[in-house]
Amino acid sequence: MNDLVAKRYVKALVEGRDTKIIDAVSKNLNVISSAFADDKFNAIVTSPEVNDGKKIELVISLVKKADNTLINLVKLLGEKRRLELIPFIANELNVQIAKMNNTYIGVIYTNQKLSGDYVNSIEKQFSKKFDVELSLSQNVCDYDGIKVDIDGLGLEISFSKERLKSQMIDHILKAI
């Protein structure tokens, strides 16, 4: 639900604005969004006992150089008692900026560390295939195979040893 509301705010924020302004607002929203990881900050922002004006001042004070667009957004969110949407808005704005710049970030899941050359090779191949600028990071976990997940494109490609084994067994059983 919060994601849907955040998308509307981001759509209004992006429409008719220069990319420099959008980038500046995004950086500042990311700074503010990181404050929501603190439980004390959340308690203040969601408290009904604290004046809405003080909450707005607190949120704006987290940023060194706030422009009018950011100030107006925070004031609007404060008046509507929706300051807790800021992390969702920041995340959605990052996604929109990635789409505008045609740059995406993905994750490779494997059970062993891959060499940097191999990761770069995968990046180049996917970049060429989808005509985007792609940056991949690696997550070493217990996944038995390899999985590439590019969230902004809605793309997930995986190869699992267990799945290959079961498909081979099925194929052999059908041949008999």
Protein backbone atom coordinates (compact mmCIF):
# COMPACT_ATOMS: atom_id res chain seq x y z
CA MET A 1 0.00 0.00 0.00
CA ASN A 2 2.78 2.40 0.92
CA ASP A 3 4.51 1.65 -2.39
CA LEU A 4 1.43 2.69 -4.35
CA VAL A 5 1.12 5.97 -2.49
CA ALA A 6 4.86 6.59 -2.87
CA LYS A 7 4.60 6.07 -6.64
CA ARG A 8 2.04 8.87 -6.87
CA TYR A 9 4.26 11.27 -4.96
CA VAL A 10 7.25 10.34 -7.12
CA LYS A 11 5.25 10.77 -10.31
CA ALA A 12 4.26 14.28 -9.23
CA LEU A 13 7.83 14.98 -8.14
CA VAL A 14 9.39 13.89 -11.44
CA GLU A 15 6.92 15.45 -13.87
CA GLY A 16 8.16 18.69 -15.41
CA ARG A 17 11.36 18.89 -13.39
CA ASP A 18 14.97 19.01 -14.52
CA THR A 19 17.08 15.91 -13.86
CA LYS A 20 19.52 17.96 -11.76
CA ILE A 21 16.74 18.94 -9.37
CA ILE A 22 15.46 15.36 -9.25
CA ASP A 23 18.98 14.06 -8.48
CA ALA A 24 19.44 16.61 -5.70
CA VAL A 25 16.08 15.75 -4.16
CA SER A 26 16.91 12.04 -4.43
CA LYS A 27 20.23 12.45 -2.61
CA ASN A 28 18.58 14.43 0.16
CA LEU A 29 15.70 11.95 0.46
CA ASN A 30 18.22 9.11 0.75
CA VAL A 31 19.88 10.93 3.65
CA ILE A 32 16.54 11.47 5.35
CA SER A 33 15.50 7.90 4.59
CA SER A 34 18.57 6.53 6.38
CA ALA A 35 17.40 8.25 9.57
CA PHE A 36 14.29 6.08 9.59
CA ALA A 37 16.50 3.11 10.52
CA ASP A 38 16.79 4.63 14.02
CA ASP A 39 14.00 3.59 16.38
CA LYS A 40 14.12 6.86 18.34
CA PHE A 41 13.69 8.88 15.15
CA ASN A 42 10.71 6.71 14.14
CA ALA A 43 9.18 7.18 17.58
CA ILE A 44 9.40 10.97 17.24
CA VAL A 45 8.04 11.07 13.69
CA THR A 46 5.09 8.78 14.42
CA SER A 47 4.30 10.19 17.86
CA PRO A 48 0.93 11.95 18.13
CA GLU A 49 2.30 14.01 21.02
CA VAL A 50 4.88 15.85 18.89
CA ASN A 51 3.66 18.85 16.91
CA ASP A 52 3.58 18.30 13.11
CA GLY A 53 5.59 21.51 12.60
CA LYS A 54 8.37 20.22 14.86
CA LYS A 55 8.42 16.92 12.99
CA ILE A 56 8.80 18.78 9.69
CA GLU A 57 11.63 20.90 11.11
CA LEU A 58 13.38 17.79 12.41
CA VAL A 59 13.18 16.01 9.05
CA ILE A 60 14.38 19.07 7.10
CA SER A 61 17.22 19.64 9.59
CA LEU A 62 18.75 16.30 8.59
CA VAL A 63 19.74 17.79 5.23
CA LYS A 64 22.45 20.44 4.98
CA LYS A 65 21.16 22.15 1.86
CA ALA A 66 17.45 21.61 1.21
CA ASP A 67 15.91 23.15 -1.90
CA ASN A 68 12.31 24.35 -2.20
CA THR A 69 11.14 21.14 -3.86
CA LEU A 70 12.29 19.01 -0.94
CA ILE A 71 10.99 21.46 1.66
CA ASN A 72 7.56 21.55 0.00
CA LEU A 73 7.46 17.76 -0.23
CA VAL A 74 8.33 17.31 3.44
CA LYS A 75 5.80 19.97 4.46
CA LEU A 76 3.10 18.25 2.41
CA LEU A 77 3.93 14.86 3.89
CA GLY A 78 4.00 16.36 7.39
CA GLU A 79 0.63 18.04 6.98
CA LYS A 80 -0.92 14.82 5.70
CA ARG A 81 0.81 12.84 8.51
CA ARG A 82 2.69 10.70 5.99
CA LEU A 83 6.31 11.34 6.93
CA GLU A 84 6.84 7.60 7.36
CA LEU A 85 6.46 7.30 3.56
CA ILE A 86 9.81 9.03 2.96
CA PRO A 87 11.84 5.77 2.71
CA PHE A 88 9.34 4.40 0.19
CA ILE A 89 9.41 7.63 -1.81
CA ALA A 90 13.22 7.66 -1.77
CA ASN A 91 13.35 4.06 -2.99
CA GLU A 92 10.81 4.66 -5.77
CA LEU A 93 12.59 7.85 -6.83
CA ASN A 94 15.86 5.89 -7.12
CA VAL A 95 14.07 3.38 -9.37
CA GLN A 96 12.66 6.17 -11.55
CA ILE A 97 16.07 7.84 -11.87
CA ALA A 98 17.57 4.50 -12.90
CA LYS A 99 14.91 4.16 -15.59
CA MET A 100 15.51 7.72 -16.81
CA ASN A 101 19.28 7.15 -16.98
CA ASN A 102 18.89 3.59 -18.31
CA THR A 103 21.16 2.27 -15.54
CA TYR A 104 20.31 -0.69 -13.37
CA ILE A 105 21.81 -2.59 -10.45
CA GLY A 106 21.61 -6.35 -10.12
CA VAL A 107 22.77 -9.13 -7.83
CA ILE A 108 24.42 -12.45 -8.63
CA TYR A 109 23.60 -15.21 -6.11
CA THR A 110 26.04 -18.14 -5.94
CA ASN A 111 27.44 -20.49 -3.34
CA GLN A 112 31.06 -19.52 -4.11
CA LYS A 113 32.83 -16.28 -4.92
CA LEU A 114 33.17 -15.54 -8.63
CA SER A 115 36.18 -13.76 -10.12
CA GLY A 116 35.87 -10.09 -11.01
CA ASP A 117 36.48 -10.88 -14.69
CA TYR A 118 33.58 -13.34 -14.70
CA VAL A 119 31.22 -10.83 -13.08
CA ASN A 120 32.33 -8.14 -15.58
CA SER A 121 31.70 -10.59 -18.43
CA ILE A 122 28.15 -11.22 -17.19
CA GLU A 123 27.60 -7.45 -16.83
CA LYS A 124 28.74 -6.79 -20.40
CA GLN A 125 26.62 -9.57 -21.87
CA PHE A 126 23.46 -8.49 -20.08
CA SER A 127 24.15 -4.83 -20.86
CA LYS A 128 24.44 -5.62 -24.55
CA LYS A 129 21.42 -7.94 -24.54
CA PHE A 130 19.04 -5.49 -22.85
CA ASP A 131 20.69 -2.27 -24.10
CA VAL A 132 21.14 -0.85 -20.60
CA GLU A 133 23.99 0.17 -18.33
CA LEU A 134 24.26 -2.55 -15.70
CA SER A 135 26.20 -2.92 -12.47
CA LEU A 136 26.22 -6.30 -10.74
CA SER A 137 27.20 -7.14 -7.20
CA GLN A 138 27.74 -10.60 -5.81
CA ASN A 139 25.97 -12.31 -2.92
CA VAL A 140 27.59 -15.54 -1.75
CA CYS A 141 24.89 -17.67 -0.15
CA ASP A 142 23.70 -21.28 -0.10
CA TYR A 143 22.08 -21.18 -3.58
CA ASP A 144 23.23 -24.32 -5.41
CA GLY A 145 23.78 -22.85 -8.86
CA ILE A 146 23.80 -19.30 -10.15
CA LYS A 147 21.03 -16.70 -10.19
CA VAL A 148 21.12 -13.18 -11.65
CA ASP A 149 18.44 -10.82 -10.35
CA ILE A 150 17.99 -7.36 -11.92
CA ASP A 151 15.15 -5.83 -9.96
CA GLY A 152 14.59 -2.65 -11.98
CA LEU A 153 14.10 -4.64 -15.17
CA GLY A 154 12.03 -7.30 -13.44
CA LEU A 155 14.50 -9.92 -14.61
CA GLU A 156 15.59 -13.09 -12.84
CA ILE A 157 17.64 -15.78 -14.56
CA SER A 158 18.75 -18.87 -12.69
CA PHE A 159 20.48 -22.17 -13.24
CA SER A 160 20.15 -24.71 -10.47
CA LYS A 161 22.05 -28.00 -10.27
CA GLU A 162 19.12 -29.62 -8.47
CA ARG A 163 16.66 -28.57 -11.18
CA LEU A 164 18.98 -29.83 -13.94
CA LYS A 165 19.31 -33.17 -12.14
CA SER A 166 15.52 -33.56 -11.80
CA GLN A 167 14.96 -32.64 -15.46
CA MET A 168 17.55 -35.20 -16.56
CA ILE A 169 15.88 -37.89 -14.45
CA ASP A 170 12.47 -36.99 -15.93
CA HIS A 171 13.91 -37.09 -19.46
CA ILE A 172 15.51 -40.50 -18.89
CA LEU A 173 12.31 -41.90 -17.37
CA LYS A 174 10.27 -40.67 -20.35
CA ALA A 175 12.74 -42.28 -22.76
CA ILE A 176 12.35 -45.68 -21.09
